[in-house]
PDB file of N, CA and C in Angstrom:
ATOM      1  N   MET A   1      16.117   7.129 -12.076  1.00  0.00           N
ATOM      2  CA  MET A   1      15.302   6.716 -10.944  1.00  0.00           C
ATOM      3  C   MET A   1      13.831   7.057 -11.235  1.00  0.00           C
ATOM      4  N   ALA A   2      12.937   6.161 -10.870  1.00  0.00           N
ATOM      5  CA  ALA A   2      11.514   6.351 -11.136  1.00  0.00           C
ATOM      6  C   ALA A   2      10.899   7.316 -10.123  1.00  0.00           C
ATOM      7  N   LYS A   3       9.882   8.033 -10.591  1.00  0.00           N
ATOM      8  CA  LYS A   3       9.180   8.956  -9.705  1.00  0.00           C
ATOM      9  C   LYS A   3       8.186   8.177  -8.842  1.00  0.00           C
ATOM     10  N   PRO A   4       8.019   8.573  -7.595  1.00  0.00           N
ATOM     11  CA  PRO A   4       7.010   7.916  -6.760  1.00  0.00           C
ATOM     12  C   PRO A   4       5.605   8.272  -7.241  1.00  0.00           C
ATOM     13  N   ASN A   5       4.723   7.298  -7.188  1.00  0.00           N
ATOM     14  CA  ASN A   5       3.345   7.501  -7.621  1.00  0.00           C
ATOM     15  C   ASN A   5       2.497   7.815  -6.383  1.00  0.00           C
ATOM     16  N   TYR A   6       2.421   9.087  -6.046  1.00  0.00           N
ATOM     17  CA  TYR A   6       1.719   9.494  -4.839  1.00  0.00           C
ATOM     18  C   TYR A   6       0.214   9.252  -4.928  1.00  0.00           C
ATOM     19  N   LYS A   7      -0.351   9.363  -6.115  1.00  0.00           N
ATOM     20  CA  LYS A   7      -1.790   9.122  -6.265  1.00  0.00           C
ATOM     21  C   LYS A   7      -2.137   7.683  -5.908  1.00  0.00           C
ATOM     22  N   PHE A   8      -1.290   6.747  -6.342  1.00  0.00           N
ATOM     23  CA  PHE A   8      -1.536   5.343  -6.037  1.00  0.00           C
ATOM     24  C   PHE A   8      -1.460   5.108  -4.534  1.00  0.00           C
ATOM     25  N   ALA A   9      -0.440   5.661  -3.892  1.00  0.00           N
ATOM     26  CA  ALA A   9      -0.273   5.486  -2.449  1.00  0.00           C
ATOM     27  C   ALA A   9      -1.453   6.091  -1.687  1.00  0.00           C
ATOM     28  N   LYS A  10      -1.897   7.262  -2.132  1.00  0.00           N
ATOM     29  CA  LYS A  10      -3.025   7.920  -1.475  1.00  0.00           C
ATOM     30  C   LYS A  10      -4.287   7.077  -1.616  1.00  0.00           C
ATOM     31  N   ARG A  11      -4.517   6.553  -2.803  1.00  0.00           N
ATOM     32  CA  ARG A  11      -5.708   5.730  -3.047  1.00  0.00           C
ATOM     33  C   ARG A  11      -5.683   4.468  -2.188  1.00  0.00           C
ATOM     34  N   GLN A  12      -4.511   3.849  -2.079  1.00  0.00           N
ATOM     35  CA  GLN A  12      -4.390   2.643  -1.266  1.00  0.00           C
ATOM     36  C   GLN A  12      -4.674   2.954   0.203  1.00  0.00           C
ATOM     37  N   LYS A  13      -4.187   4.098   0.662  1.00  0.00           N
ATOM     38  CA  LYS A  13      -4.413   4.508   2.045  1.00  0.00           C
ATOM     39  C   LYS A  13      -5.900   4.755   2.290  1.00  0.00           C
ATOM     40  N   GLU A  14      -6.561   5.421   1.336  1.00  0.00           N
ATOM     41  CA  GLU A  14      -7.995   5.688   1.461  1.00  0.00           C
ATOM     42  C   GLU A  14      -8.797   4.394   1.490  1.00  0.00           C
ATOM     43  N   LEU A  15      -8.432   3.441   0.634  1.00  0.00           N
ATOM     44  CA  LEU A  15      -9.134   2.161   0.605  1.00  0.00           C
ATOM     45  C   LEU A  15      -8.952   1.407   1.918  1.00  0.00           C
ATOM     46  N   ALA A  16      -7.758   1.455   2.476  1.00  0.00           N
ATOM     47  CA  ALA A  16      -7.492   0.782   3.748  1.00  0.00           C
ATOM     48  C   ALA A  16      -8.326   1.403   4.867  1.00  0.00           C
ATOM     49  N   LYS A  17      -8.421   2.727   4.882  1.00  0.00           N
ATOM     50  CA  LYS A  17      -9.229   3.411   5.892  1.00  0.00           C
ATOM     51  C   LYS A  17     -10.697   3.023   5.756  1.00  0.00           C
ATOM     52  N   LYS A  18     -11.183   2.993   4.519  1.00  0.00           N
ATOM     53  CA  LYS A  18     -12.588   2.661   4.266  1.00  0.00           C
ATOM     54  C   LYS A  18     -12.893   1.237   4.727  1.00  0.00           C
ATOM     55  N   LYS A  19     -11.985   0.313   4.416  1.00  0.00           N
ATOM     56  CA  LYS A  19     -12.176  -1.081   4.805  1.00  0.00           C
ATOM     57  C   LYS A  19     -12.190  -1.222   6.325  1.00  0.00           C
ATOM     58  N   LYS A  20     -11.272  -0.544   6.991  1.00  0.00           N
ATOM     59  CA  LYS A  20     -11.193  -0.614   8.445  1.00  0.00           C
ATOM     60  C   LYS A  20     -12.454  -0.036   9.079  1.00  0.00           C
ATOM     61  N   LYS A  21     -12.948   1.071   8.526  1.00  0.00           N
ATOM     62  CA  LYS A  21     -14.153   1.712   9.041  1.00  0.00           C
ATOM     63  C   LYS A  21     -15.362   0.790   8.893  1.00  0.00           C
ATOM     64  N   GLU A  22     -15.479   0.125   7.740  1.00  0.00           N
ATOM     65  CA  GLU A  22     -16.597  -0.788   7.510  1.00  0.00           C
ATOM     66  C   GLU A  22     -16.538  -1.974   8.466  1.00  0.00           C
ATOM     67  N   GLU A  23     -15.329  -2.509   8.705  1.00  0.00           N
ATOM     68  CA  GLU A  23     -15.189  -3.632   9.625  1.00  0.00           C
ATOM     69  C   GLU A  23     -15.575  -3.221  11.044  1.00  0.00           C
ATOM     70  N   LYS A  24     -15.184  -2.021  11.435  1.00  0.00           N
ATOM     71  CA  LYS A  24     -15.517  -1.522  12.764  1.00  0.00           C
ATOM     72  C   LYS A  24     -17.033  -1.374  12.903  1.00  0.00           C
ATOM     73  N   LEU A  25     -17.686  -0.860  11.869  1.00  0.00           N
ATOM     74  CA  LEU A  25     -19.133  -0.695  11.886  1.00  0.00           C
ATOM     75  C   LEU A  25     -19.830  -2.050  12.006  1.00  0.00           C
ATOM     76  N   LYS A  26     -19.327  -3.056  11.283  1.00  0.00           N
ATOM     77  CA  LYS A  26     -19.905  -4.398  11.366  1.00  0.00           C
ATOM     78  C   LYS A  26     -19.775  -4.961  12.773  1.00  0.00           C
ATOM     79  N   ARG A  27     -18.604  -4.758  13.405  1.00  0.00           N
ATOM     80  CA  ARG A  27     -18.411  -5.257  14.769  1.00  0.00           C
ATOM     81  C   ARG A  27     -19.390  -4.595  15.726  1.00  0.00           C
ATOM     82  N   LYS A  28     -19.608  -3.289  15.561  1.00  0.00           N
ATOM     83  CA  LYS A  28     -20.554  -2.579  16.425  1.00  0.00           C
ATOM     84  C   LYS A  28     -21.965  -3.118  16.235  1.00  0.00           C
ATOM     85  N   GLU A  29     -22.351  -3.383  14.979  1.00  0.00           N
ATOM     86  CA  GLU A  29     -23.688  -3.906  14.708  1.00  0.00           C
ATOM     87  C   GLU A  29     -23.864  -5.291  15.317  1.00  0.00           C
ATOM     88  N   LEU A  30     -22.829  -6.125  15.249  1.00  0.00           N
ATOM     89  CA  LEU A  30     -22.905  -7.456  15.837  1.00  0.00           C
ATOM     90  C   LEU A  30     -23.068  -7.372  17.349  1.00  0.00           C
ATOM     91  N   LYS A  31     -22.373  -6.450  17.981  1.00  0.00           N
ATOM     92  CA  LYS A  31     -22.507  -6.288  19.430  1.00  0.00           C
ATOM     93  C   LYS A  31     -23.921  -5.858  19.788  1.00  0.00           C
ATOM     94  N   LYS A  32     -24.503  -4.967  18.984  1.00  0.00           N
ATOM     95  CA  LYS A  32     -25.875  -4.528  19.241  1.00  0.00           C
ATOM     96  C   LYS A  32     -26.848  -5.693  19.102  1.00  0.00           C
ATOM     97  N   GLN A  33     -26.651  -6.524  18.083  1.00  0.00           N
ATOM     98  CA  GLN A  33     -27.542  -7.652  17.845  1.00  0.00           C
ATOM     99  C   GLN A  33     -27.450  -8.665  18.979  1.00  0.00           C
ATOM    100  N   ASP A  34     -26.266  -8.811  19.568  1.00  0.00           N
ATOM    101  CA  ASP A  34     -26.086  -9.757  20.666  1.00  0.00           C
ATOM    102  C   ASP A  34     -26.675  -9.225  21.965  1.00  0.00           C
ATOM    103  N   GLY A  35     -27.116  -7.987  21.967  1.00  0.00           N
ATOM    104  CA  GLY A  35     -27.731  -7.414  23.150  1.00  0.00           C
ATOM    105  C   GLY A  35     -26.735  -6.760  24.078  1.00  0.00           C
ATOM    106  N   PHE A  36     -25.507  -6.627  23.677  1.00  0.00           N
ATOM    107  CA  PHE A  36     -24.483  -5.994  24.506  1.00  0.00           C
ATOM    108  C   PHE A  36     -24.405  -4.529  24.150  1.00  0.00           C
ATOM    109  N   ASP A  37     -24.833  -3.675  25.078  1.00  0.00           N
ATOM    110  CA  ASP A  37     -24.747  -2.233  24.875  1.00  0.00           C
ATOM    111  C   ASP A  37     -24.378  -1.594  26.207  1.00  0.00           C
ATOM    112  N   PRO A  38     -23.107  -1.270  26.406  1.00  0.00           N
ATOM    113  CA  PRO A  38     -22.666  -0.744  27.693  1.00  0.00           C
ATOM    114  C   PRO A  38     -23.355   0.558  28.087  1.00  0.00           C
ATOM    115  N   GLY A  39     -23.845   1.326  27.155  1.00  0.00           N
ATOM    116  CA  GLY A  39     -24.539   2.572  27.458  1.00  0.00           C
ATOM    117  C   GLY A  39     -25.832   2.332  28.215  1.00  0.00           C
ATOM    118  N   ASP A  40     -26.541   1.264  27.914  1.00  0.00           N
ATOM    119  CA  ASP A  40     -27.791   0.950  28.591  1.00  0.00           C
ATOM    120  C   ASP A  40     -27.554   0.620  30.056  1.00  0.00           C
ATOM    121  N   ASP A  41     -26.514  -0.142  30.367  1.00  0.00           N
ATOM    122  CA  ASP A  41     -26.220  -0.537  31.737  1.00  0.00           C
ATOM    123  C   ASP A  41     -25.898   0.680  32.597  1.00  0.00           C
ATOM    124  N   ALA A  42     -25.117   1.596  32.087  1.00  0.00           N
ATOM    125  CA  ALA A  42     -24.718   2.777  32.843  1.00  0.00           C
ATOM    126  C   ALA A  42     -25.933   3.654  33.140  1.00  0.00           C
ATOM    127  N   GLU A  43     -26.824   3.805  32.194  1.00  0.00           N
ATOM    128  CA  GLU A  43     -28.001   4.631  32.401  1.00  0.00           C
ATOM    129  C   GLU A  43     -28.957   3.972  33.392  1.00  0.00           C
ATOM    130  N   ALA A  44     -29.126   2.683  33.310  1.00  0.00           N
ATOM    131  CA  ALA A  44     -30.054   1.975  34.177  1.00  0.00           C
ATOM    132  C   ALA A  44     -29.575   2.008  35.623  1.00  0.00           C
ATOM    133  N   ASP A  45     -28.288   1.873  35.863  1.00  0.00           N
ATOM    134  CA  ASP A  45     -27.755   1.845  37.218  1.00  0.00           C
ATOM    135  C   ASP A  45     -27.730   3.239  37.846  1.00  0.00           C
ATOM    136  N   GLY A  46     -27.520   4.261  37.077  1.00  0.00           N
ATOM    137  CA  GLY A  46     -27.346   5.601  37.617  1.00  0.00           C
ATOM    138  C   GLY A  46     -28.627   6.381  37.813  1.00  0.00           C
ATOM    139  N   ASP A  47     -29.693   6.070  37.137  1.00  0.00           N
ATOM    140  CA  ASP A  47     -30.901   6.888  37.165  1.00  0.00           C
ATOM    141  C   ASP A  47     -32.095   6.178  37.801  1.00  0.00           C
ATOM    142  N   ASP A  48     -31.855   5.423  38.875  1.00  0.00           N
ATOM    143  CA  ASP A  48     -32.992   4.729  39.471  1.00  0.00           C
ATOM    144  C   ASP A  48     -33.671   5.587  40.538  1.00  0.00           C
ATOM    145  N   GLY A  49     -33.093   6.730  40.923  1.00  0.00           N
ATOM    146  CA  GLY A  49     -33.753   7.653  41.821  1.00  0.00           C
ATOM    147  C   GLY A  49     -33.596   7.331  43.291  1.00  0.00           C
ATOM    148  N   GLU A  50     -32.932   6.264  43.654  1.00  0.00           N
ATOM    149  CA  GLU A  50     -32.739   5.897  45.052  1.00  0.00           C
ATOM    150  C   GLU A  50     -31.411   6.431  45.560  1.00  0.00           C
ATOM    151  N   ALA A  51     -31.405   6.887  46.803  1.00  0.00           N
ATOM    152  CA  ALA A  51     -30.154   7.334  47.415  1.00  0.00           C
ATOM    153  C   ALA A  51     -29.577   6.181  48.222  1.00  0.00           C
ATOM    154  N   SER A  52     -28.315   5.896  48.025  1.00  0.00           N
ATOM    155  CA  SER A  52     -27.689   4.776  48.737  1.00  0.00           C
ATOM    156  C   SER A  52     -26.992   5.249  49.980  1.00  0.00           C
TER     157      SER A  52
END
């Protein structure tokens, strides 16, 4: 029976994580470019200084 190649499996897992992280970063950058930033809306609505 052949021995499992743990180094290969580990490397593949690391590459998959890196690829997923890069894709997530690209999606975040695209959202910023489109002008969608949920953090801005929350700050603008909450800090206007008026009591309702």
